């Protein structure tokens, strides 16, 4: 179950960006948010396939696609925002 609060580290142009991802579920629909020093974005368009989850974050002037693979209380994956890409990993609190 991916619901929870995760501390994450994302590789952004060779630098670590730290933050939190919060995932909630109501009646089978997932929503959430991602927060960092850059601000908070809303997460939606969740698609779950086994242990893999894709989701979309909408910022004020960008869209970011996350593809996360869960293993217990942690995940690894990648993000793509308008052609910029990087790795991401996180652990549930």
Protein backbone atom coordinates (compact mmCIF):
# COMPACT_ATOMS: atom_id res chain seq x y z
CA UNK A 1 0.00 0.00 0.00
CA UNK A 2 1.68 3.26 -1.11
CA UNK A 3 -0.35 5.50 1.22
CA UNK A 4 1.86 7.47 3.60
CA UNK A 5 4.49 10.16 3.94
CA UNK A 6 7.88 9.53 2.34
CA UNK A 7 11.14 11.40 2.74
CA UNK A 8 12.75 11.55 -0.69
CA UNK A 9 15.99 12.54 -2.36
CA UNK A 10 15.88 13.51 -6.03
CA UNK A 11 18.87 14.06 -8.31
CA UNK A 12 18.30 17.45 -9.93
CA UNK A 13 21.08 18.41 -12.32
CA UNK A 14 23.66 16.57 -10.23
CA UNK A 15 22.48 18.00 -6.89
CA UNK A 16 20.37 16.32 -4.21
CA UNK A 17 16.95 17.86 -3.59
CA UNK A 18 15.35 16.67 -0.35
CA UNK A 19 11.64 16.70 0.36
CA UNK A 20 8.52 14.77 1.22
CA UNK A 21 5.90 13.01 -0.86
CA UNK A 22 2.49 12.46 0.73
CA UNK A 23 0.12 9.92 -0.83
CA UNK A 24 -3.50 9.55 0.31
CA UNK A 25 -6.32 7.29 -0.86
CA UNK A 26 -10.07 7.77 -0.70
CA UNK A 27 -12.48 5.24 -2.21
CA UNK A 28 -9.73 3.77 -4.39
CA UNK A 29 -8.57 7.13 -5.76
CA UNK A 30 -5.04 8.32 -4.95
CA UNK A 31 -4.00 11.94 -4.51
CA UNK A 32 -1.04 13.60 -2.91
CA UNK A 33 1.58 16.29 -2.83
CA UNK A 34 5.34 16.67 -3.09
CA UNK A 35 7.13 19.33 -1.04
CA UNK A 36 10.70 20.61 -1.10
CA UNK A 37 12.57 23.88 -0.70
CA UNK A 38 11.20 24.74 -4.15
CA UNK A 39 7.60 24.62 -2.87
CA UNK A 40 4.70 22.17 -2.99
CA UNK A 41 3.07 20.59 -6.04
CA UNK A 42 -0.11 18.55 -6.25
CA UNK A 43 0.12 14.93 -7.41
CA UNK A 44 -2.48 13.12 -9.48
CA UNK A 45 -3.07 10.75 -12.39
CA UNK A 46 -1.85 7.79 -10.31
CA UNK A 47 -1.49 4.50 -12.21
CA UNK A 48 -0.48 1.41 -10.24
CA UNK A 49 0.82 -1.72 -11.95
CA UNK A 50 2.02 -4.26 -9.40
CA UNK A 51 4.83 -2.60 -7.45
CA UNK A 52 5.23 0.24 -9.99
CA UNK A 53 3.40 3.54 -9.73
CA UNK A 54 3.35 6.42 -12.17
CA UNK A 55 2.00 9.81 -11.18
CA UNK A 56 2.02 13.39 -12.39
CA UNK A 57 2.92 16.54 -10.44
CA UNK A 58 1.60 19.91 -11.56
CA UNK A 59 3.70 22.94 -10.67
CA UNK A 60 2.94 26.57 -11.50
CA UNK A 61 4.93 26.45 -14.75
CA UNK A 62 5.96 22.82 -15.19
CA UNK A 63 4.68 19.24 -15.17
CA UNK A 64 6.70 16.37 -13.74
CA UNK A 65 6.13 12.66 -14.37
CA UNK A 66 7.30 10.25 -11.68
CA UNK A 67 7.73 6.50 -12.17
CA UNK A 68 8.34 4.81 -8.81
CA UNK A 69 8.99 1.17 -7.96
CA UNK A 70 8.08 0.22 -4.39
CA UNK A 71 9.91 -2.35 -2.27
CA UNK A 72 8.42 -2.58 1.21
CA UNK A 73 8.48 0.88 2.78
CA UNK A 74 10.81 2.43 0.20
CA UNK A 75 10.86 3.32 -3.48
CA UNK A 76 13.31 4.08 -6.25
CA UNK A 77 12.54 5.59 -9.60
CA UNK A 78 12.88 8.42 -12.05
CA UNK A 79 11.32 11.77 -12.73
CA UNK A 80 10.95 13.74 -15.98
CA UNK A 81 10.06 17.43 -16.08
CA UNK A 82 9.95 19.04 -19.50
CA UNK A 83 12.99 17.10 -20.71
CA UNK A 84 15.02 17.30 -17.52
CA UNK A 85 15.34 13.89 -15.89
CA UNK A 86 16.86 12.34 -12.81
CA UNK A 87 16.66 9.61 -10.23
CA UNK A 88 14.62 9.64 -7.04
CA UNK A 89 14.44 7.42 -3.99
CA UNK A 90 12.50 7.60 -0.75
CA UNK A 91 11.53 5.89 2.48
CA UNK A 92 8.21 5.91 4.34
CA UNK A 93 8.23 7.65 7.70
